[in-house]
Amino acid sequence: MKELFDLVQSMLEEVRILKKEVKYVKTSRVDDFKDTWVDGQEVLQMLHISSRTLQRLRDCDIIPYSRINGKYYYKMSDVESVLEKNYSLNKKSKCRGCK
């Protein structure tokens, strides 16, 4: 009986170790993605906006960018930041029927 208990305990410890490793891999991949640079076309497709809207976001300094040979690049972390700043859950409802 003690052997079975020891076996189960060692298996639980291995699961804990694996769980920590998986969590680390997930976190590091997300962090790597945030530092990724994408071109304007990818941002247009991700946000479902027009090229004029993206230009307006640049002109109004809402989204930072880098320009190389006339092509614009954006950090994914900056795109995410713009989305977070405009998240509407915390804003008051503009609907007259909702209070």
C-alpha atoms as a PDB file:
ATOM      1  CA  MET A   1       0.000   0.000   0.000  1.00  0.00           C
ATOM      2  CA  LYS A   2       2.860   2.367   0.832  1.00  0.00           C
ATOM      3  CA  GLU A   3       4.437   1.638  -2.564  1.00  0.00           C
ATOM      4  CA  LEU A   4       1.220   2.654  -4.312  1.00  0.00           C
ATOM      5  CA  PHE A   5       1.022   5.837  -2.242  1.00  0.00           C
ATOM      6  CA  ASP A   6       4.650   6.697  -3.077  1.00  0.00           C
ATOM      7  CA  LEU A   7       4.011   6.039  -6.757  1.00  0.00           C
ATOM      8  CA  VAL A   8       0.950   8.311  -6.805  1.00  0.00           C
ATOM      9  CA  GLN A   9       2.839  10.995  -4.907  1.00  0.00           C
ATOM     10  CA  SER A  10       5.761  10.906  -7.361  1.00  0.00           C
ATOM     11  CA  MET A  11       3.332  11.091 -10.297  1.00  0.00           C
ATOM     12  CA  LEU A  12       1.641  14.130  -8.765  1.00  0.00           C
ATOM     13  CA  GLU A  13       5.006  15.823  -8.389  1.00  0.00           C
ATOM     14  CA  GLU A  14       5.787  15.147 -12.050  1.00  0.00           C
ATOM     15  CA  VAL A  15       2.420  16.625 -13.057  1.00  0.00           C
ATOM     16  CA  ARG A  16       3.187  19.769 -11.009  1.00  0.00           C
ATOM     17  CA  ILE A  17       6.539  20.141 -12.740  1.00  0.00           C
ATOM     18  CA  LEU A  18       5.003  19.670 -16.191  1.00  0.00           C
ATOM     19  CA  LYS A  19       2.250  22.155 -15.363  1.00  0.00           C
ATOM     20  CA  LYS A  20       4.840  24.802 -14.472  1.00  0.00           C
ATOM     21  CA  GLU A  21       6.751  24.134 -17.698  1.00  0.00           C
ATOM     22  CA  VAL A  22       3.600  24.393 -19.828  1.00  0.00           C
ATOM     23  CA  LYS A  23       2.652  27.659 -18.124  1.00  0.00           C
ATOM     24  CA  TYR A  24       6.121  29.048 -18.840  1.00  0.00           C
ATOM     25  CA  VAL A  25       5.954  28.054 -22.515  1.00  0.00           C
ATOM     26  CA  LYS A  26       2.486  29.619 -22.901  1.00  0.00           C
ATOM     27  CA  THR A  27       3.583  32.880 -21.271  1.00  0.00           C
ATOM     28  CA  SER A  28       6.780  33.157 -23.263  1.00  0.00           C
ATOM     29  CA  ARG A  29       4.987  32.543 -26.579  1.00  0.00           C
ATOM     30  CA  VAL A  30       2.423  35.248 -25.803  1.00  0.00           C
ATOM     31  CA  ASP A  31       5.212  37.637 -24.849  1.00  0.00           C
ATOM     32  CA  ASP A  32       7.108  36.792 -28.048  1.00  0.00           C
ATOM     33  CA  PHE A  33       3.986  37.503 -30.088  1.00  0.00           C
ATOM     34  CA  LYS A  34       3.528  40.916 -28.453  1.00  0.00           C
ATOM     35  CA  ASP A  35       6.992  41.975 -29.582  1.00  0.00           C
ATOM     36  CA  THR A  36       6.281  40.881 -33.145  1.00  0.00           C
ATOM     37  CA  TRP A  37       6.164  43.523 -35.849  1.00  0.00           C
ATOM     38  CA  VAL A  38       3.418  43.255 -38.452  1.00  0.00           C
ATOM     39  CA  ASP A  39       2.794  45.279 -41.587  1.00  0.00           C
ATOM     40  CA  GLY A  40      -0.177  47.554 -42.182  1.00  0.00           C
ATOM     41  CA  GLN A  41      -2.022  44.977 -44.266  1.00  0.00           C
ATOM     42  CA  GLU A  42      -2.049  42.541 -41.362  1.00  0.00           C
ATOM     43  CA  VAL A  43      -3.347  45.238 -38.999  1.00  0.00           C
ATOM     44  CA  LEU A  44      -6.113  46.108 -41.478  1.00  0.00           C
ATOM     45  CA  GLN A  45      -7.199  42.484 -41.609  1.00  0.00           C
ATOM     46  CA  MET A  46      -6.953  41.920 -37.851  1.00  0.00           C
ATOM     47  CA  LEU A  47      -8.976  44.997 -36.920  1.00  0.00           C
ATOM     48  CA  HIS A  48     -11.288  44.924 -39.956  1.00  0.00           C
ATOM     49  CA  ILE A  49     -10.637  48.588 -40.699  1.00  0.00           C
ATOM     50  CA  SER A  50      -9.917  50.531 -43.875  1.00  0.00           C
ATOM     51  CA  SER A  51      -6.514  51.856 -44.866  1.00  0.00           C
ATOM     52  CA  ARG A  52      -7.859  55.385 -44.323  1.00  0.00           C
ATOM     53  CA  THR A  53      -8.833  54.529 -40.744  1.00  0.00           C
ATOM     54  CA  LEU A  54      -5.362  53.134 -40.079  1.00  0.00           C
ATOM     55  CA  GLN A  55      -3.861  56.298 -41.565  1.00  0.00           C
ATOM     56  CA  ARG A  56      -6.026  58.377 -39.225  1.00  0.00           C
ATOM     57  CA  LEU A  57      -4.819  56.320 -36.242  1.00  0.00           C
ATOM     58  CA  ARG A  58      -1.231  57.103 -37.282  1.00  0.00           C
ATOM     59  CA  ASP A  59      -1.885  60.796 -37.990  1.00  0.00           C
ATOM     60  CA  CYS A  60      -3.569  61.301 -34.608  1.00  0.00           C
ATOM     61  CA  ASP A  61      -0.738  59.501 -32.798  1.00  0.00           C
ATOM     62  CA  ILE A  62      -3.139  56.841 -31.555  1.00  0.00           C
ATOM     63  CA  ILE A  63      -0.979  53.971 -32.777  1.00  0.00           C
ATOM     64  CA  PRO A  64       2.824  54.075 -32.963  1.00  0.00           C
ATOM     65  CA  TYR A  65       4.496  52.827 -36.120  1.00  0.00           C
ATOM     66  CA  SER A  66       7.737  52.436 -37.967  1.00  0.00           C
ATOM     67  CA  ARG A  67       8.117  53.293 -41.643  1.00  0.00           C
ATOM     68  CA  ILE A  68      10.647  51.696 -43.956  1.00  0.00           C
ATOM     69  CA  ASN A  69      10.657  52.456 -47.687  1.00  0.00           C
ATOM     70  CA  GLY A  70       7.073  53.706 -47.557  1.00  0.00           C
ATOM     71  CA  LYS A  71       5.762  50.616 -45.791  1.00  0.00           C
ATOM     72  CA  TYR A  72       4.350  50.884 -42.270  1.00  0.00           C
ATOM     73  CA  TYR A  73       5.001  48.392 -39.482  1.00  0.00           C
ATOM     74  CA  TYR A  74       3.328  48.084 -36.083  1.00  0.00           C
ATOM     75  CA  LYS A  75       4.146  46.236 -32.876  1.00  0.00           C
ATOM     76  CA  MET A  76       1.440  43.804 -31.847  1.00  0.00           C
ATOM     77  CA  SER A  77       1.729  45.117 -28.281  1.00  0.00           C
ATOM     78  CA  ASP A  78       0.824  48.614 -29.542  1.00  0.00           C
ATOM     79  CA  VAL A  79      -2.175  47.279 -31.469  1.00  0.00           C
ATOM     80  CA  GLU A  80      -3.314  45.453 -28.338  1.00  0.00           C
ATOM     81  CA  SER A  81      -2.810  48.619 -26.279  1.00  0.00           C
ATOM     82  CA  VAL A  82      -5.085  50.601 -28.603  1.00  0.00           C
ATOM     83  CA  LEU A  83      -7.751  47.927 -28.256  1.00  0.00           C
ATOM     84  CA  GLU A  84      -7.425  47.921 -24.454  1.00  0.00           C
ATOM     85  CA  LYS A  85      -7.675  51.735 -24.241  1.00  0.00           C
ATOM     86  CA  ASN A  86     -10.894  51.644 -26.240  1.00  0.00           C
ATOM     87  CA  TYR A  87     -12.463  48.716 -24.400  1.00  0.00           C
ATOM     88  CA  SER A  88     -16.067  49.770 -23.745  1.00  0.00           C
ATOM     89  CA  LEU A  89     -17.027  47.646 -20.736  1.00  0.00           C
ATOM     90  CA  ASN A  90     -16.025  50.393 -18.285  1.00  0.00           C
ATOM     91  CA  LYS A  91     -17.708  53.210 -20.180  1.00  0.00           C
ATOM     92  CA  LYS A  92     -21.221  54.413 -19.449  1.00  0.00           C
ATOM     93  CA  SER A  93     -23.912  53.247 -21.794  1.00  0.00           C
ATOM     94  CA  LYS A  94     -25.063  55.785 -24.382  1.00  0.00           C
ATOM     95  CA  CYS A  95     -28.330  53.967 -24.782  1.00  0.00           C
ATOM     96  CA  ARG A  96     -31.271  55.863 -23.217  1.00  0.00           C
ATOM     97  CA  GLY A  97     -33.106  52.626 -22.464  1.00  0.00           C
ATOM     98  CA  CYS A  98     -30.130  51.135 -20.546  1.00  0.00           C
ATOM     99  CA  LYS A  99     -29.428  52.382 -17.047  1.00  0.00           C
END
